[in-house]
């Protein structure tokens, strides 16, 4: 498991390299509220959040057909 500091540093460095980008989609992060607060304090303010609630069956079915 990566330390929160390491994850934040990696995200910040990757985002800074993409100066021409109009935004970023970060999949699966943050997983905890404190991670989100630290991200906004140390990296960037979040303008939009997408949340998808999917059952494990839906996830596995979609993954199975996507990988074929």
PDB file of N, CA and C in Angstrom:
ATOM      1  N   UNK A   1       0.837  -1.181   0.000  1.00  0.00           N
ATOM      2  CA  UNK A   1       0.000   0.000   0.000  1.00  0.00           C
ATOM      3  C   UNK A   1       0.887   1.250   0.000  1.00  0.00           C
ATOM      4  N   UNK A   2       0.581   2.169  -0.896  1.00  0.00           N
ATOM      5  CA  UNK A   2       1.358   3.402  -0.968  1.00  0.00           C
ATOM      6  C   UNK A   2       0.938   4.375   0.118  1.00  0.00           C
ATOM      7  N   UNK A   3       1.893   5.105   0.632  1.00  0.00           N
ATOM      8  CA  UNK A   3       1.585   6.139   1.611  1.00  0.00           C
ATOM      9  C   UNK A   3       0.866   7.292   0.930  1.00  0.00           C
ATOM     10  N   UNK A   4       0.002   7.958   1.676  1.00  0.00           N
ATOM     11  CA  UNK A   4      -0.754   9.081   1.129  1.00  0.00           C
ATOM     12  C   UNK A   4       0.172  10.147   0.559  1.00  0.00           C
ATOM     13  N   UNK A   5       1.271  10.424   1.226  1.00  0.00           N
ATOM     14  CA  UNK A   5       2.221  11.429   0.746  1.00  0.00           C
ATOM     15  C   UNK A   5       2.787  11.038  -0.621  1.00  0.00           C
ATOM     16  N   UNK A   6       3.089   9.765  -0.793  1.00  0.00           N
ATOM     17  CA  UNK A   6       3.639   9.278  -2.055  1.00  0.00           C
ATOM     18  C   UNK A   6       2.624   9.435  -3.181  1.00  0.00           C
ATOM     19  N   UNK A   7       1.384   9.056  -2.929  1.00  0.00           N
ATOM     20  CA  UNK A   7       0.328   9.172  -3.933  1.00  0.00           C
ATOM     21  C   UNK A   7       0.132  10.629  -4.327  1.00  0.00           C
ATOM     22  N   UNK A   8       0.057  11.514  -3.355  1.00  0.00           N
ATOM     23  CA  UNK A   8      -0.124  12.941  -3.644  1.00  0.00           C
ATOM     24  C   UNK A   8       1.043  13.501  -4.451  1.00  0.00           C
ATOM     25  N   UNK A   9       2.240  13.115  -4.103  1.00  0.00           N
ATOM     26  CA  UNK A   9       3.418  13.584  -4.829  1.00  0.00           C
ATOM     27  C   UNK A   9       3.393  13.102  -6.275  1.00  0.00           C
ATOM     28  N   UNK A  10       3.078  11.827  -6.486  1.00  0.00           N
ATOM     29  CA  UNK A  10       3.013  11.280  -7.839  1.00  0.00           C
ATOM     30  C   UNK A  10       1.937  11.969  -8.671  1.00  0.00           C
ATOM     31  N   UNK A  11       0.762  12.187  -8.085  1.00  0.00           N
ATOM     32  CA  UNK A  11      -0.313  12.875  -8.800  1.00  0.00           C
ATOM     33  C   UNK A  11       0.084  14.299  -9.165  1.00  0.00           C
ATOM     34  N   UNK A  12       0.638  15.008  -8.208  1.00  0.00           N
ATOM     35  CA  UNK A  12       1.021  16.406  -8.436  1.00  0.00           C
ATOM     36  C   UNK A  12       2.085  16.508  -9.530  1.00  0.00           C
ATOM     37  N   UNK A  13       3.092  15.654  -9.472  1.00  0.00           N
ATOM     38  CA  UNK A  13       4.162  15.682 -10.479  1.00  0.00           C
ATOM     39  C   UNK A  13       3.607  15.370 -11.873  1.00  0.00           C
ATOM     40  N   UNK A  14       2.732  14.374 -11.964  1.00  0.00           N
ATOM     41  CA  UNK A  14       2.151  14.007 -13.260  1.00  0.00           C
ATOM     42  C   UNK A  14       1.285  15.134 -13.805  1.00  0.00           C
ATOM     43  N   UNK A  15       0.532  15.785 -12.953  1.00  0.00           N
ATOM     44  CA  UNK A  15      -0.342  16.877 -13.389  1.00  0.00           C
ATOM     45  C   UNK A  15       0.471  18.100 -13.819  1.00  0.00           C
ATOM     46  N   UNK A  16       1.541  18.384 -13.110  1.00  0.00           N
ATOM     47  CA  UNK A  16       2.367  19.534 -13.463  1.00  0.00           C
ATOM     48  C   UNK A  16       3.068  19.355 -14.813  1.00  0.00           C
ATOM     49  N   UNK A  17       3.342  18.120 -15.189  1.00  0.00           N
ATOM     50  CA  UNK A  17       3.995  17.843 -16.476  1.00  0.00           C
ATOM     51  C   UNK A  17       3.060  18.132 -17.648  1.00  0.00           C
ATOM     52  N   UNK A  18       1.763  18.122 -17.409  1.00  0.00           N
ATOM     53  CA  UNK A  18       0.767  18.306 -18.461  1.00  0.00           C
ATOM     54  C   UNK A  18       0.222  19.732 -18.436  1.00  0.00           C
ATOM     55  N   UNK A  19       1.060  20.698 -18.689  1.00  0.00           N
ATOM     56  CA  UNK A  19       0.694  22.112 -18.576  1.00  0.00           C
ATOM     57  C   UNK A  19      -0.437  22.520 -19.525  1.00  0.00           C
ATOM     58  N   UNK A  20      -0.548  21.869 -20.676  1.00  0.00           N
ATOM     59  CA  UNK A  20      -1.567  22.242 -21.663  1.00  0.00           C
ATOM     60  C   UNK A  20      -2.927  21.586 -21.391  1.00  0.00           C
ATOM     61  N   UNK A  21      -2.995  20.724 -20.401  1.00  0.00           N
ATOM     62  CA  UNK A  21      -4.234  20.002 -20.115  1.00  0.00           C
ATOM     63  C   UNK A  21      -5.313  20.938 -19.582  1.00  0.00           C
ATOM     64  N   UNK A  22      -6.549  20.660 -19.970  1.00  0.00           N
ATOM     65  CA  UNK A  22      -7.691  21.436 -19.477  1.00  0.00           C
ATOM     66  C   UNK A  22      -8.313  20.791 -18.245  1.00  0.00           C
ATOM     67  N   UNK A  23      -7.819  19.629 -17.869  1.00  0.00           N
ATOM     68  CA  UNK A  23      -8.346  18.938 -16.702  1.00  0.00           C
ATOM     69  C   UNK A  23      -7.843  17.512 -16.635  1.00  0.00           C
ATOM     70  N   UNK A  24      -8.238  16.829 -15.592  1.00  0.00           N
ATOM     71  CA  UNK A  24      -7.778  15.463 -15.354  1.00  0.00           C
ATOM     72  C   UNK A  24      -8.925  14.611 -14.845  1.00  0.00           C
ATOM     73  N   UNK A  25      -8.901  13.342 -15.205  1.00  0.00           N
ATOM     74  CA  UNK A  25      -9.823  12.354 -14.669  1.00  0.00           C
ATOM     75  C   UNK A  25      -8.976  11.367 -13.873  1.00  0.00           C
ATOM     76  N   UNK A  26      -9.183  11.344 -12.584  1.00  0.00           N
ATOM     77  CA  UNK A  26      -8.402  10.471 -11.707  1.00  0.00           C
ATOM     78  C   UNK A  26      -9.332   9.372 -11.211  1.00  0.00           C
ATOM     79  N   UNK A  27      -9.137   8.167 -11.722  1.00  0.00           N
ATOM     80  CA  UNK A  27     -10.007   7.037 -11.425  1.00  0.00           C
ATOM     81  C   UNK A  27      -9.634   6.381 -10.099  1.00  0.00           C
ATOM     82  N   UNK A  28     -10.605   6.250  -9.219  1.00  0.00           N
ATOM     83  CA  UNK A  28     -10.406   5.522  -7.968  1.00  0.00           C
ATOM     84  C   UNK A  28      -9.729   6.296  -6.855  1.00  0.00           C
ATOM     85  N   UNK A  29      -9.604   7.596  -7.010  1.00  0.00           N
ATOM     86  CA  UNK A  29      -8.962   8.405  -5.973  1.00  0.00           C
ATOM     87  C   UNK A  29      -9.721   9.705  -5.850  1.00  0.00           C
ATOM     88  N   UNK A  30      -9.983  10.169  -4.699  1.00  0.00           N
ATOM     89  CA  UNK A  30      -9.662   9.599  -3.390  1.00  0.00           C
ATOM     90  C   UNK A  30     -10.681   8.539  -2.972  1.00  0.00           C
ATOM     91  N   UNK A  31     -10.274   7.711  -2.069  1.00  0.00           N
ATOM     92  CA  UNK A  31     -11.173   6.700  -1.519  1.00  0.00           C
ATOM     93  C   UNK A  31     -11.683   7.104  -0.137  1.00  0.00           C
ATOM     94  N   UNK A  32     -11.021   8.039   0.478  1.00  0.00           N
ATOM     95  CA  UNK A  32     -11.398   8.517   1.809  1.00  0.00           C
ATOM     96  C   UNK A  32     -11.521  10.034   1.783  1.00  0.00           C
ATOM     97  N   UNK A  33     -12.368  10.588   2.627  1.00  0.00           N
ATOM     98  CA  UNK A  33     -12.587  12.027   2.674  1.00  0.00           C
ATOM     99  C   UNK A  33     -11.296  12.790   2.974  1.00  0.00           C
ATOM    100  N   UNK A  34     -10.494  12.275   3.909  1.00  0.00           N
ATOM    101  CA  UNK A  34      -9.251  12.981   4.245  1.00  0.00           C
ATOM    102  C   UNK A  34      -8.281  13.025   3.072  1.00  0.00           C
ATOM    103  N   UNK A  35      -8.307  12.007   2.203  1.00  0.00           N
ATOM    104  CA  UNK A  35      -7.467  12.028   1.006  1.00  0.00           C
ATOM    105  C   UNK A  35      -7.908  13.156   0.074  1.00  0.00           C
ATOM    106  N   UNK A  36      -9.210  13.330  -0.083  1.00  0.00           N
ATOM    107  CA  UNK A  36      -9.729  14.401  -0.920  1.00  0.00           C
ATOM    108  C   UNK A  36      -9.370  15.772  -0.391  1.00  0.00           C
ATOM    109  N   UNK A  37      -9.464  15.940   0.914  1.00  0.00           N
ATOM    110  CA  UNK A  37      -9.108  17.222   1.537  1.00  0.00           C
ATOM    111  C   UNK A  37      -7.627  17.525   1.345  1.00  0.00           C
ATOM    112  N   UNK A  38      -6.790  16.522   1.520  1.00  0.00           N
ATOM    113  CA  UNK A  38      -5.345  16.712   1.324  1.00  0.00           C
ATOM    114  C   UNK A  38      -5.020  17.016  -0.127  1.00  0.00           C
ATOM    115  N   UNK A  39      -5.716  16.342  -1.054  1.00  0.00           N
ATOM    116  CA  UNK A  39      -5.506  16.587  -2.467  1.00  0.00           C
ATOM    117  C   UNK A  39      -5.806  18.045  -2.792  1.00  0.00           C
ATOM    118  N   UNK A  40      -6.934  18.548  -2.315  1.00  0.00           N
ATOM    119  CA  UNK A  40      -7.297  19.942  -2.591  1.00  0.00           C
ATOM    120  C   UNK A  40      -6.344  20.921  -1.918  1.00  0.00           C
ATOM    121  N   UNK A  41      -5.845  20.587  -0.771  1.00  0.00           N
ATOM    122  CA  UNK A  41      -4.921  21.474  -0.063  1.00  0.00           C
ATOM    123  C   UNK A  41      -3.521  21.471  -0.695  1.00  0.00           C
ATOM    124  N   UNK A  42      -3.078  20.302  -1.177  1.00  0.00           N
ATOM    125  CA  UNK A  42      -1.692  20.165  -1.635  1.00  0.00           C
ATOM    126  C   UNK A  42      -1.508  20.149  -3.154  1.00  0.00           C
ATOM    127  N   UNK A  43      -2.562  19.779  -3.906  1.00  0.00           N
ATOM    128  CA  UNK A  43      -2.395  19.589  -5.347  1.00  0.00           C
ATOM    129  C   UNK A  43      -3.244  20.563  -6.147  1.00  0.00           C
ATOM    130  N   UNK A  44      -4.550  20.431  -6.073  1.00  0.00           N
ATOM    131  CA  UNK A  44      -5.435  21.280  -6.879  1.00  0.00           C
ATOM    132  C   UNK A  44      -6.851  21.237  -6.323  1.00  0.00           C
ATOM    133  N   UNK A  45      -7.601  22.278  -6.591  1.00  0.00           N
ATOM    134  CA  UNK A  45      -9.005  22.325  -6.205  1.00  0.00           C
ATOM    135  C   UNK A  45      -9.804  21.469  -7.184  1.00  0.00           C
ATOM    136  N   UNK A  46     -10.709  20.665  -6.667  1.00  0.00           N
ATOM    137  CA  UNK A  46     -11.539  19.795  -7.487  1.00  0.00           C
ATOM    138  C   UNK A  46     -12.755  20.575  -7.965  1.00  0.00           C
ATOM    139  N   UNK A  47     -12.989  20.543  -9.272  1.00  0.00           N
ATOM    140  CA  UNK A  47     -14.118  21.269  -9.853  1.00  0.00           C
ATOM    141  C   UNK A  47     -15.330  20.380 -10.089  1.00  0.00           C
ATOM    142  N   UNK A  48     -15.125  19.092 -10.249  1.00  0.00           N
ATOM    143  CA  UNK A  48     -16.226  18.185 -10.568  1.00  0.00           C
ATOM    144  C   UNK A  48     -15.887  16.791 -10.050  1.00  0.00           C
ATOM    145  N   UNK A  49     -16.913  16.086  -9.585  1.00  0.00           N
ATOM    146  CA  UNK A  49     -16.747  14.712  -9.121  1.00  0.00           C
ATOM    147  C   UNK A  49     -17.792  13.847  -9.816  1.00  0.00           C
ATOM    148  N   UNK A  50     -17.351  12.726 -10.354  1.00  0.00           N
ATOM    149  CA  UNK A  50     -18.257  11.743 -10.934  1.00  0.00           C
ATOM    150  C   UNK A  50     -18.304  10.546  -9.999  1.00  0.00           C
ATOM    151  N   UNK A  51     -19.492  10.084  -9.690  1.00  0.00           N
ATOM    152  CA  UNK A  51     -19.641   8.933  -8.798  1.00  0.00           C
ATOM    153  C   UNK A  51     -20.577   7.939  -9.456  1.00  0.00           C
ATOM    154  N   UNK A  52     -20.101   6.733  -9.650  1.00  0.00           N
ATOM    155  CA  UNK A  52     -20.906   5.669 -10.223  1.00  0.00           C
ATOM    156  C   UNK A  52     -21.056   4.568  -9.182  1.00  0.00           C
ATOM    157  N   UNK A  53     -22.271   4.210  -8.884  1.00  0.00           N
ATOM    158  CA  UNK A  53     -22.508   3.111  -7.958  1.00  0.00           C
ATOM    159  C   UNK A  53     -22.873   1.882  -8.786  1.00  0.00           C
ATOM    160  N   UNK A  54     -22.017   0.875  -8.736  1.00  0.00           N
ATOM    161  CA  UNK A  54     -22.186  -0.317  -9.555  1.00  0.00           C
ATOM    162  C   UNK A  54     -22.070  -1.538  -8.653  1.00  0.00           C
ATOM    163  N   UNK A  55     -22.973  -2.493  -8.849  1.00  0.00           N
ATOM    164  CA  UNK A  55     -22.871  -3.726  -8.066  1.00  0.00           C
ATOM    165  C   UNK A  55     -21.691  -4.542  -8.583  1.00  0.00           C
ATOM    166  N   UNK A  56     -21.226  -5.448  -7.794  1.00  0.00           N
ATOM    167  CA  UNK A  56     -20.094  -6.285  -8.188  1.00  0.00           C
ATOM    168  C   UNK A  56     -20.456  -7.124  -9.419  1.00  0.00           C
ATOM    169  N   UNK A  57     -21.707  -7.561  -9.508  1.00  0.00           N
ATOM    170  CA  UNK A  57     -22.145  -8.347 -10.664  1.00  0.00           C
ATOM    171  C   UNK A  57     -22.088  -7.495 -11.931  1.00  0.00           C
ATOM    172  N   UNK A  58     -22.580  -6.253 -11.858  1.00  0.00           N
ATOM    173  CA  UNK A  58     -22.517  -5.357 -13.018  1.00  0.00           C
ATOM    174  C   UNK A  58     -21.068  -5.100 -13.414  1.00  0.00           C
ATOM    175  N   UNK A  59     -20.216  -4.881 -12.433  1.00  0.00           N
ATOM    176  CA  UNK A  59     -18.802  -4.619 -12.702  1.00  0.00           C
ATOM    177  C   UNK A  59     -18.141  -5.808 -13.387  1.00  0.00           C
ATOM    178  N   UNK A  60     -18.340  -6.987 -12.834  1.00  0.00           N
ATOM    179  CA  UNK A  60     -17.713  -8.180 -13.393  1.00  0.00           C
ATOM    180  C   UNK A  60     -18.265  -8.500 -14.779  1.00  0.00           C
ATOM    181  N   UNK A  61     -19.554  -8.311 -14.985  1.00  0.00           N
ATOM    182  CA  UNK A  61     -20.158  -8.563 -16.300  1.00  0.00           C
ATOM    183  C   UNK A  61     -19.579  -7.610 -17.334  1.00  0.00           C
ATOM    184  N   UNK A  62     -19.508  -6.319 -17.000  1.00  0.00           N
ATOM    185  CA  UNK A  62     -18.956  -5.328 -17.917  1.00  0.00           C
ATOM    186  C   UNK A  62     -17.492  -5.637 -18.219  1.00  0.00           C
ATOM    187  N   UNK A  63     -16.729  -5.984 -17.181  1.00  0.00           N
ATOM    188  CA  UNK A  63     -15.307  -6.277 -17.363  1.00  0.00           C
ATOM    189  C   UNK A  63     -15.136  -7.494 -18.267  1.00  0.00           C
ATOM    190  N   UNK A  64     -15.956  -8.509 -18.073  1.00  0.00           N
ATOM    191  CA  UNK A  64     -15.859  -9.717 -18.883  1.00  0.00           C
ATOM    192  C   UNK A  64     -16.063  -9.394 -20.354  1.00  0.00           C
ATOM    193  N   UNK A  65     -17.068  -8.618 -20.682  1.00  0.00           N
ATOM    194  CA  UNK A  65     -17.347  -8.300 -22.080  1.00  0.00           C
ATOM    195  C   UNK A  65     -16.351  -7.293 -22.651  1.00  0.00           C
ATOM    196  N   UNK A  66     -15.804  -6.437 -21.830  1.00  0.00           N
ATOM    197  CA  UNK A  66     -14.836  -5.458 -22.295  1.00  0.00           C
ATOM    198  C   UNK A  66     -13.520  -6.125 -22.660  1.00  0.00           C
ATOM    199  N   UNK A  67     -13.140  -7.162 -21.925  1.00  0.00           N
ATOM    200  CA  UNK A  67     -11.850  -7.824 -22.134  1.00  0.00           C
ATOM    201  C   UNK A  67     -11.881  -8.834 -23.293  1.00  0.00           C
ATOM    202  N   UNK A  68     -13.050  -9.081 -23.840  1.00  0.00           N
ATOM    203  CA  UNK A  68     -13.162 -10.083 -24.936  1.00  0.00           C
ATOM    204  C   UNK A  68     -12.672  -9.498 -26.232  1.00  0.00           C
TER     205      UNK A  68
END
